[in-house]
Amino acid sequence: MINRKNKELGVRIEQITMEAEAWQQSAKCSENMIAALNQSGASSRSTKR
């Protein structure tokens, strides 16, 4: 009984770890997009002057 529960918990830990990594990757992608948009906006503003 305990071994089965430990195995189930181990599988769940792996799933949650993968989900966390996916969220981190998504957040990093969003950060990169924001940085690119900020840079694009800054260069656009500087060419209008």
PDB file of N, CA and C in Angstrom:
ATOM      1  N   MET A   1       0.829  -1.206   0.000  1.00  0.00           N
ATOM      2  CA  MET A   1       0.000   0.000   0.000  1.00  0.00           C
ATOM      3  C   MET A   1       0.866   1.259   0.000  1.00  0.00           C
ATOM      4  N   ILE A   2       1.865   1.290   0.897  1.00  0.00           N
ATOM      5  CA  ILE A   2       2.734   2.470   0.984  1.00  0.00           C
ATOM      6  C   ILE A   2       3.574   2.606  -0.282  1.00  0.00           C
ATOM      7  N   ASN A   3       4.084   1.475  -0.798  1.00  0.00           N
ATOM      8  CA  ASN A   3       4.892   1.535  -2.018  1.00  0.00           C
ATOM      9  C   ASN A   3       4.084   2.067  -3.195  1.00  0.00           C
ATOM     10  N   ARG A   4       2.822   1.634  -3.289  1.00  0.00           N
ATOM     11  CA  ARG A   4       1.965   2.112  -4.377  1.00  0.00           C
ATOM     12  C   ARG A   4       1.730   3.616  -4.253  1.00  0.00           C
ATOM     13  N   LYS A   5       1.479   4.067  -3.027  1.00  0.00           N
ATOM     14  CA  LYS A   5       1.240   5.489  -2.799  1.00  0.00           C
ATOM     15  C   LYS A   5       2.501   6.291  -3.119  1.00  0.00           C
ATOM     16  N   ASN A   6       3.663   5.770  -2.706  1.00  0.00           N
ATOM     17  CA  ASN A   6       4.927   6.447  -3.019  1.00  0.00           C
ATOM     18  C   ASN A   6       5.133   6.549  -4.523  1.00  0.00           C
ATOM     19  N   LYS A   7       4.797   5.486  -5.238  1.00  0.00           N
ATOM     20  CA  LYS A   7       4.937   5.489  -6.695  1.00  0.00           C
ATOM     21  C   LYS A   7       4.007   6.529  -7.312  1.00  0.00           C
ATOM     22  N   GLU A   8       2.758   6.582  -6.837  1.00  0.00           N
ATOM     23  CA  GLU A   8       1.801   7.568  -7.336  1.00  0.00           C
ATOM     24  C   GLU A   8       2.293   8.989  -7.066  1.00  0.00           C
ATOM     25  N   LEU A   9       2.827   9.205  -5.870  1.00  0.00           N
ATOM     26  CA  LEU A   9       3.345  10.531  -5.535  1.00  0.00           C
ATOM     27  C   LEU A   9       4.553  10.884  -6.398  1.00  0.00           C
ATOM     28  N   GLY A  10       5.399   9.902  -6.669  1.00  0.00           N
ATOM     29  CA  GLY A  10       6.556  10.132  -7.531  1.00  0.00           C
ATOM     30  C   GLY A  10       6.136  10.544  -8.931  1.00  0.00           C
ATOM     31  N   VAL A  11       5.113   9.889  -9.459  1.00  0.00           N
ATOM     32  CA  VAL A  11       4.592  10.228 -10.789  1.00  0.00           C
ATOM     33  C   VAL A  11       4.016  11.638 -10.769  1.00  0.00           C
ATOM     34  N   ARG A  12       3.291  11.956  -9.700  1.00  0.00           N
ATOM     35  CA  ARG A  12       2.684  13.296  -9.592  1.00  0.00           C
ATOM     36  C   ARG A  12       3.759  14.372  -9.501  1.00  0.00           C
ATOM     37  N   ILE A  13       4.829  14.084  -8.764  1.00  0.00           N
ATOM     38  CA  ILE A  13       5.940  15.043  -8.661  1.00  0.00           C
ATOM     39  C   ILE A  13       6.540  15.297 -10.036  1.00  0.00           C
ATOM     40  N   GLU A  14       6.715  14.244 -10.819  1.00  0.00           N
ATOM     41  CA  GLU A  14       7.256  14.398 -12.175  1.00  0.00           C
ATOM     42  C   GLU A  14       6.328  15.261 -13.029  1.00  0.00           C
ATOM     43  N   GLN A  15       5.023  15.028 -12.920  1.00  0.00           N
ATOM     44  CA  GLN A  15       4.055  15.811 -13.694  1.00  0.00           C
ATOM     45  C   GLN A  15       4.108  17.287 -13.305  1.00  0.00           C
ATOM     46  N   ILE A  16       4.133  17.544 -12.013  1.00  0.00           N
ATOM     47  CA  ILE A  16       4.155  18.931 -11.538  1.00  0.00           C
ATOM     48  C   ILE A  16       5.455  19.609 -11.928  1.00  0.00           C
ATOM     49  N   THR A  17       6.554  18.866 -11.878  1.00  0.00           N
ATOM     50  CA  THR A  17       7.845  19.419 -12.287  1.00  0.00           C
ATOM     51  C   THR A  17       7.813  19.820 -13.754  1.00  0.00           C
ATOM     52  N   MET A  18       7.242  18.968 -14.592  1.00  0.00           N
ATOM     53  CA  MET A  18       7.145  19.291 -16.020  1.00  0.00           C
ATOM     54  C   MET A  18       6.242  20.499 -16.252  1.00  0.00           C
ATOM     55  N   GLU A  19       5.134  20.572 -15.500  1.00  0.00           N
ATOM     56  CA  GLU A  19       4.243  21.729 -15.626  1.00  0.00           C
ATOM     57  C   GLU A  19       4.957  23.013 -15.217  1.00  0.00           C
ATOM     58  N   ALA A  20       5.713  22.948 -14.130  1.00  0.00           N
ATOM     59  CA  ALA A  20       6.444  24.130 -13.657  1.00  0.00           C
ATOM     60  C   ALA A  20       7.459  24.578 -14.698  1.00  0.00           C
ATOM     61  N   GLU A  21       8.161  23.625 -15.303  1.00  0.00           N
ATOM     62  CA  GLU A  21       9.136  23.965 -16.338  1.00  0.00           C
ATOM     63  C   GLU A  21       8.451  24.598 -17.545  1.00  0.00           C
ATOM     64  N   ALA A  22       7.275  24.087 -17.902  1.00  0.00           N
ATOM     65  CA  ALA A  22       6.534  24.655 -19.032  1.00  0.00           C
ATOM     66  C   ALA A  22       6.108  26.089 -18.722  1.00  0.00           C
ATOM     67  N   TRP A  23       5.638  26.343 -17.495  1.00  0.00           N
ATOM     68  CA  TRP A  23       5.244  27.700 -17.104  1.00  0.00           C
ATOM     69  C   TRP A  23       6.444  28.636 -17.106  1.00  0.00           C
ATOM     70  N   GLN A  24       7.597  28.141 -16.627  1.00  0.00           N
ATOM     71  CA  GLN A  24       8.802  28.971 -16.623  1.00  0.00           C
ATOM     72  C   GLN A  24       9.217  29.320 -18.047  1.00  0.00           C
ATOM     73  N   GLN A  25       9.130  28.347 -18.940  1.00  0.00           N
ATOM     74  CA  GLN A  25       9.483  28.589 -20.339  1.00  0.00           C
ATOM     75  C   GLN A  25       8.519  29.599 -20.966  1.00  0.00           C
ATOM     76  N   SER A  26       7.243  29.467 -20.648  1.00  0.00           N
ATOM     77  CA  SER A  26       6.244  30.407 -21.157  1.00  0.00           C
ATOM     78  C   SER A  26       6.500  31.817 -20.628  1.00  0.00           C
ATOM     79  N   ALA A  27       6.837  31.914 -19.350  1.00  0.00           N
ATOM     80  CA  ALA A  27       7.122  33.225 -18.758  1.00  0.00           C
ATOM     81  C   ALA A  27       8.353  33.847 -19.401  1.00  0.00           C
ATOM     82  N   LYS A  28       9.382  33.051 -19.641  1.00  0.00           N
ATOM     83  CA  LYS A  28      10.602  33.556 -20.272  1.00  0.00           C
ATOM     84  C   LYS A  28      10.298  34.042 -21.687  1.00  0.00           C
ATOM     85  N   CYS A  29       9.469  33.304 -22.403  1.00  0.00           N
ATOM     86  CA  CYS A  29       9.071  33.701 -23.755  1.00  0.00           C
ATOM     87  C   CYS A  29       8.326  35.036 -23.713  1.00  0.00           C
ATOM     88  N   SER A  30       7.439  35.188 -22.744  1.00  0.00           N
ATOM     89  CA  SER A  30       6.698  36.443 -22.596  1.00  0.00           C
ATOM     90  C   SER A  30       7.636  37.593 -22.258  1.00  0.00           C
ATOM     91  N   GLU A  31       8.601  37.336 -21.375  1.00  0.00           N
ATOM     92  CA  GLU A  31       9.575  38.372 -21.024  1.00  0.00           C
ATOM     93  C   GLU A  31      10.367  38.809 -22.254  1.00  0.00           C
ATOM     94  N   ASN A  32      10.767  37.844 -23.073  1.00  0.00           N
ATOM     95  CA  ASN A  32      11.511  38.165 -24.287  1.00  0.00           C
ATOM     96  C   ASN A  32      10.657  38.982 -25.255  1.00  0.00           C
ATOM     97  N   MET A  33       9.380  38.637 -25.356  1.00  0.00           N
ATOM     98  CA  MET A  33       8.472  39.380 -26.228  1.00  0.00           C
ATOM     99  C   MET A  33       8.314  40.815 -25.730  1.00  0.00           C
ATOM    100  N   ILE A  34       8.154  40.982 -24.424  1.00  0.00           N
ATOM    101  CA  ILE A  34       8.025  42.324 -23.846  1.00  0.00           C
ATOM    102  C   ILE A  34       9.287  43.135 -24.110  1.00  0.00           C
ATOM    103  N   ALA A  35      10.441  42.515 -23.923  1.00  0.00           N
ATOM    104  CA  ALA A  35      11.701  43.219 -24.167  1.00  0.00           C
ATOM    105  C   ALA A  35      11.806  43.642 -25.630  1.00  0.00           C
ATOM    106  N   ALA A  36      11.412  42.755 -26.537  1.00  0.00           N
ATOM    107  CA  ALA A  36      11.469  43.081 -27.964  1.00  0.00           C
ATOM    108  C   ALA A  36      10.507  44.215 -28.301  1.00  0.00           C
ATOM    109  N   LEU A  37       9.311  44.164 -27.733  1.00  0.00           N
ATOM    110  CA  LEU A  37       8.339  45.229 -27.992  1.00  0.00           C
ATOM    111  C   LEU A  37       8.810  46.556 -27.407  1.00  0.00           C
ATOM    112  N   ASN A  38       9.387  46.513 -26.210  1.00  0.00           N
ATOM    113  CA  ASN A  38       9.915  47.738 -25.607  1.00  0.00           C
ATOM    114  C   ASN A  38      11.033  48.323 -26.463  1.00  0.00           C
ATOM    115  N   GLN A  39      11.902  47.452 -26.952  1.00  0.00           N
ATOM    116  CA  GLN A  39      13.006  47.913 -27.794  1.00  0.00           C
ATOM    117  C   GLN A  39      12.461  48.487 -29.100  1.00  0.00           C
ATOM    118  N   SER A  40      11.474  47.819 -29.663  1.00  0.00           N
ATOM    119  CA  SER A  40      10.862  48.293 -30.900  1.00  0.00           C
ATOM    120  C   SER A  40      10.194  49.646 -30.683  1.00  0.00           C
ATOM    121  N   GLY A  41       9.498  49.775 -29.573  1.00  0.00           N
ATOM    122  CA  GLY A  41       8.849  51.045 -29.258  1.00  0.00           C
ATOM    123  C   GLY A  41       9.853  52.148 -29.019  1.00  0.00           C
ATOM    124  N   ALA A  42      10.956  51.823 -28.358  1.00  0.00           N
ATOM    125  CA  ALA A  42      11.985  52.826 -28.082  1.00  0.00           C
ATOM    126  C   ALA A  42      12.638  53.292 -29.378  1.00  0.00           C
ATOM    127  N   SER A  43      12.928  52.354 -30.274  1.00  0.00           N
ATOM    128  CA  SER A  43      13.563  52.754 -31.532  1.00  0.00           C
ATOM    129  C   SER A  43      12.576  53.521 -32.407  1.00  0.00           C
ATOM    130  N   SER A  44      11.303  53.170 -32.317  1.00  0.00           N
ATOM    131  CA  SER A  44      10.278  53.886 -33.077  1.00  0.00           C
ATOM    132  C   SER A  44      10.149  55.323 -32.577  1.00  0.00           C
ATOM    133  N   ARG A  45      10.178  55.493 -31.269  1.00  0.00           N
ATOM    134  CA  ARG A  45      10.080  56.839 -30.697  1.00  0.00           C
ATOM    135  C   ARG A  45      11.304  57.680 -31.043  1.00  0.00           C
ATOM    136  N   SER A  46      12.481  57.046 -31.079  1.00  0.00           N
ATOM    137  CA  SER A  46      13.693  57.821 -31.355  1.00  0.00           C
ATOM    138  C   SER A  46      13.767  58.253 -32.819  1.00  0.00           C
ATOM    139  N   THR A  47      13.147  57.502 -33.723  1.00  0.00           N
ATOM    140  CA  THR A  47      13.171  57.890 -35.138  1.00  0.00           C
ATOM    141  C   THR A  47      12.141  58.975 -35.442  1.00  0.00           C
ATOM    142  N   LYS A  48      11.162  59.154 -34.559  1.00  0.00           N
ATOM    143  CA  LYS A  48      10.139  60.184 -34.773  1.00  0.00           C
ATOM    144  C   LYS A  48      10.626  61.564 -34.350  1.00  0.00           C
ATOM    145  N   ARG A  49      11.727  61.611 -33.605  1.00  0.00           N
ATOM    146  CA  ARG A  49      12.218  62.903 -33.108  1.00  0.00           C
ATOM    147  C   ARG A  49      12.989  63.663 -34.128  1.00  0.00           C
TER     148      ARG A  49
END
